[in-house]
Structure formats: structure tokens, C-alpha cells
Amino acid sequence: MERSVNNFSDKEESIDHINSDEEDVLSFPSIEFIPDEDTTRSVAEQNGFEFLAYDAVCVGTDHRFAEFTFFTAAIMKAYTSGNGREDFSIRLEGDPDNAYDKFAIKVIGSYSDDEIEHNNHIGYIPRKLAYKIGMNWGTDAPPLYALFHSLMLKSSGFELRFSILLGNE
């Protein structure tokens, strides 16, 4: 039986560079690495992953302001140093003890700073998407992976986007 999660993309354009987005950005160069959805699906399939969602947004970052701010600084440092995605990663892990949502999935921002490894809870994937993943796989889900897409400064604050892939067991 094939299990899938709906695509939550509102992005139509694919780009692979640092860009300044004119709409709703406060004089900050948006950092974007957005392979198009077809490429993301193809890479996932070639590497034994199941594609779940394209261009998901990290929510709840305002509740983890310090952790999220340090992670966004690590992303900016990685891109300005020319290392790109090699200096940071995004992990996803279930949060079954969450008092508000038993299907909650944490977004963990990982990076190194002066030889110290940081793995900070920076937010969650959207509730509807976490519910769909939870209903399809429950607590027996293989590991989830996130593929960084973009970090943009919007009038409401920073926005982190990524694709979600399901690993093989």
C-alpha cells in the first residue's frame, strides 16, 4: 500500500543562489537553495527515500526565539563563508509527549560553533502535516529527514522552509 502526504508547496520558482526577494523582505538577502519539486522527488527516490512534502515551513519559532536566532545566524555564516549547507543541518523527530499534539514533529537545527556541536529544538512542522505523517506511520515511522530550501526575513520574522523525506528502516 502506497502512503503519501500532500504537497504543501506555494513556491513556483526554483533558484540556487543568494537572492534579494523584493516582496515582504526587510533589506536582507534571502538565502535560498530550492531544487524544484521534480528534482527533489527524483533525488529522494534514487537514494531510497520516500518524498513526503515540498517546501514545508518551520512553525512555532517565536516560542524558541534564542535557539532559532542562533540557528539562522549559523545558516547565514555558512552561506557567507561559501560552505553552504555543509555547516548546518535540519533534523526532524517525533514529540509524542507533547501536551498539545501527540503527532507533533520537532524541527532540530544542528550546527557547529567554535568546535561545539549544537542541536537545538527550533520549532515544529505544521500541525496538519504532522497529523498526516502520524496517521500514516504512527510511532513506527522510519526516520524523517529535512532538505533545506530557504531562510527569508519576512515582515513577520524569519521563515525557514524545507522538504521532508522518509528514510528507509
Protein backbone atom coordinates (compact mmCIF):
# COMPACT_ATOMS: atom_id res chain seq x y z
CA MET A 1 0.00 0.00 0.00
CA GLU A 2 1.45 3.35 -1.04
CA ARG A 3 1.39 6.05 1.63
CA SER A 4 1.87 9.67 0.81
CA VAL A 5 1.47 13.11 2.26
CA ASN A 6 0.07 16.01 0.27
CA ASN A 7 2.42 18.55 -1.17
CA PHE A 8 2.26 21.86 0.72
CA SER A 9 4.12 23.98 -1.83
CA ASP A 10 3.27 27.55 -2.63
CA LYS A 11 6.59 28.18 -4.36
CA GLU A 12 6.69 28.12 -8.15
CA GLU A 13 10.19 29.29 -8.91
CA SER A 14 13.34 27.24 -8.29
CA ILE A 15 16.62 29.05 -7.69
CA ASP A 16 20.07 28.11 -6.44
CA HIS A 17 21.73 31.29 -5.19
CA ILE A 18 21.51 34.08 -2.67
CA ASN A 19 18.73 36.37 -3.81
CA SER A 20 17.01 39.51 -2.61
CA ASP A 21 13.24 38.99 -2.60
CA GLU A 22 11.50 42.31 -3.24
CA GLU A 23 8.18 41.24 -1.74
CA ASP A 24 7.80 41.39 2.06
CA VAL A 25 11.54 41.35 2.85
CA LEU A 26 13.31 43.83 5.11
CA SER A 27 16.62 44.57 3.30
CA PHE A 28 18.05 41.11 3.96
CA PRO A 29 19.47 38.86 1.24
CA SER A 30 17.28 35.77 1.31
CA ILE A 31 19.28 32.56 1.37
CA GLU A 32 17.68 30.07 -0.94
CA PHE A 33 18.62 26.65 -2.23
CA ILE A 34 15.42 25.36 -3.72
CA PRO A 35 15.69 22.41 -6.05
CA ASP A 36 12.43 22.14 -7.92
CA GLU A 37 9.94 19.57 -6.70
CA ASP A 38 10.61 17.09 -9.52
CA THR A 39 14.36 17.15 -8.80
CA THR A 40 13.71 16.70 -5.07
CA ARG A 41 11.44 13.73 -5.76
CA SER A 42 14.00 12.18 -8.13
CA VAL A 43 16.91 12.57 -5.68
CA ALA A 44 14.78 11.11 -2.88
CA GLU A 45 13.86 8.07 -5.00
CA GLN A 46 17.46 7.50 -6.19
CA ASN A 47 18.65 7.44 -2.57
CA GLY A 48 15.93 5.17 -1.21
CA PHE A 49 13.84 7.87 0.46
CA GLU A 50 10.12 8.44 0.16
CA PHE A 51 9.16 12.01 -0.72
CA LEU A 52 6.59 13.40 1.73
CA ALA A 53 6.33 17.18 1.38
CA TYR A 54 7.89 20.01 -0.60
CA ASP A 55 8.58 23.46 0.84
CA ALA A 56 7.27 22.88 4.39
CA VAL A 57 7.67 25.78 6.80
CA CYS A 58 9.05 25.61 10.34
CA VAL A 59 6.37 26.93 12.74
CA GLY A 60 6.48 27.93 16.40
CA THR A 61 9.90 29.58 16.13
CA ASP A 62 8.68 32.58 18.12
CA HIS A 63 8.46 30.27 21.16
CA ARG A 64 12.11 29.28 20.71
CA PHE A 65 13.45 32.67 19.75
CA ALA A 66 17.03 32.30 21.07
CA GLU A 67 17.58 28.82 19.60
CA PHE A 68 16.06 29.82 16.25
CA THR A 69 18.10 33.05 16.14
CA PHE A 70 21.37 31.17 16.74
CA PHE A 71 20.45 28.66 14.04
CA THR A 72 19.60 31.38 11.49
CA ALA A 73 22.96 33.01 12.29
CA ALA A 74 24.68 29.67 11.59
CA ILE A 75 22.91 29.43 8.21
CA MET A 76 23.94 32.99 7.30
CA LYS A 77 27.53 32.30 8.39
CA ALA A 78 27.63 29.08 6.33
CA TYR A 79 26.48 30.85 3.19
CA THR A 80 28.67 33.92 3.58
CA SER A 81 31.72 31.69 4.18
CA GLY A 82 30.98 29.76 0.99
CA ASN A 83 30.35 26.44 2.74
CA GLY A 84 26.62 26.42 2.11
CA ARG A 85 24.66 23.54 3.58
CA GLU A 86 27.78 21.70 4.77
CA ASP A 87 27.90 23.64 8.06
CA PHE A 88 24.36 23.01 9.29
CA SER A 89 21.52 20.52 9.03
CA ILE A 90 17.87 20.17 9.92
CA ARG A 91 16.62 17.05 11.67
CA LEU A 92 13.07 16.01 12.39
CA GLU A 93 11.96 13.93 15.36
CA GLY A 94 8.62 12.94 16.81
CA ASP A 95 7.43 14.53 20.05
CA PRO A 96 4.86 12.00 21.35
CA ASP A 97 4.93 13.54 24.84
CA ASN A 98 3.80 16.93 23.52
CA ALA A 99 0.90 18.09 25.70
CA TYR A 100 -0.90 19.78 22.79
CA ASP A 101 -0.38 17.37 19.89
CA LYS A 102 0.54 13.69 20.10
CA PHE A 103 1.59 13.77 16.42
CA ALA A 104 3.90 16.80 16.85
CA ILE A 105 7.21 16.63 14.99
CA LYS A 106 10.09 18.79 16.23
CA VAL A 107 12.46 20.64 13.93
CA ILE A 108 16.02 20.39 15.28
CA GLY A 109 18.64 22.83 13.99
CA SER A 110 22.18 21.39 14.10
CA TYR A 111 25.38 23.36 13.60
CA SER A 112 28.94 23.73 14.89
CA ASP A 113 30.27 26.86 16.51
CA ASP A 114 33.91 27.02 17.68
CA GLU A 115 34.17 23.20 17.72
CA ILE A 116 30.99 22.86 19.82
CA GLU A 117 28.10 20.88 18.33
CA HIS A 118 24.65 22.43 18.80
CA ASN A 119 21.40 20.50 18.34
CA ASN A 120 18.57 22.84 19.29
CA HIS A 121 14.81 22.42 19.10
CA ILE A 122 13.86 25.42 16.92
CA GLY A 123 10.22 24.73 16.05
CA TYR A 124 7.78 22.21 14.60
CA ILE A 125 6.48 21.12 11.22
CA PRO A 126 2.91 22.35 10.61
CA ARG A 127 0.26 20.50 12.63
CA LYS A 128 -1.76 19.25 9.63
CA LEU A 129 1.34 17.78 8.01
CA ALA A 130 2.48 16.16 11.30
CA TYR A 131 -1.00 14.67 11.69
CA LYS A 132 -0.91 13.15 8.19
CA ILE A 133 2.52 11.66 8.85
CA GLY A 134 1.40 10.36 12.24
CA MET A 135 -1.79 8.82 10.87
CA ASN A 136 0.13 7.05 8.10
CA TRP A 137 3.07 5.76 10.16
CA GLY A 138 2.29 6.25 13.84
CA THR A 139 5.19 5.71 16.22
CA ASP A 140 6.74 3.09 13.92
CA ALA A 141 7.78 5.62 11.29
CA PRO A 142 11.21 5.29 9.74
CA PRO A 143 13.44 8.34 10.30
CA LEU A 144 12.34 11.65 8.79
CA TYR A 145 14.82 13.91 7.00
CA ALA A 146 14.64 17.57 6.05
CA LEU A 147 16.26 19.12 2.98
CA PHE A 148 16.90 22.87 3.47
CA HIS A 149 15.24 25.18 0.95
CA SER A 150 15.32 28.73 2.20
CA LEU A 151 15.70 31.23 5.01
CA MET A 152 13.96 34.55 4.39
CA LEU A 153 13.31 37.59 6.51
CA LYS A 154 9.65 38.47 6.15
CA SER A 155 7.84 41.32 7.90
CA SER A 156 6.68 38.74 10.48
CA GLY A 157 10.23 37.44 11.12
CA PHE A 158 12.48 34.76 9.67
CA GLU A 159 10.90 31.90 7.75
CA LEU A 160 12.69 28.55 7.34
CA ARG A 161 11.49 26.16 4.61
CA PHE A 162 12.48 22.59 3.72
CA SER A 163 11.34 19.34 2.05
CA ILE A 164 10.50 16.31 4.14
CA LEU A 165 11.72 12.84 3.20
CA LEU A 166 11.06 9.50 4.85
CA GLY A 167 14.10 7.26 5.26
CA ASN A 168 14.21 3.56 4.83
CA GLU A 169 14.28 1.49 8.00
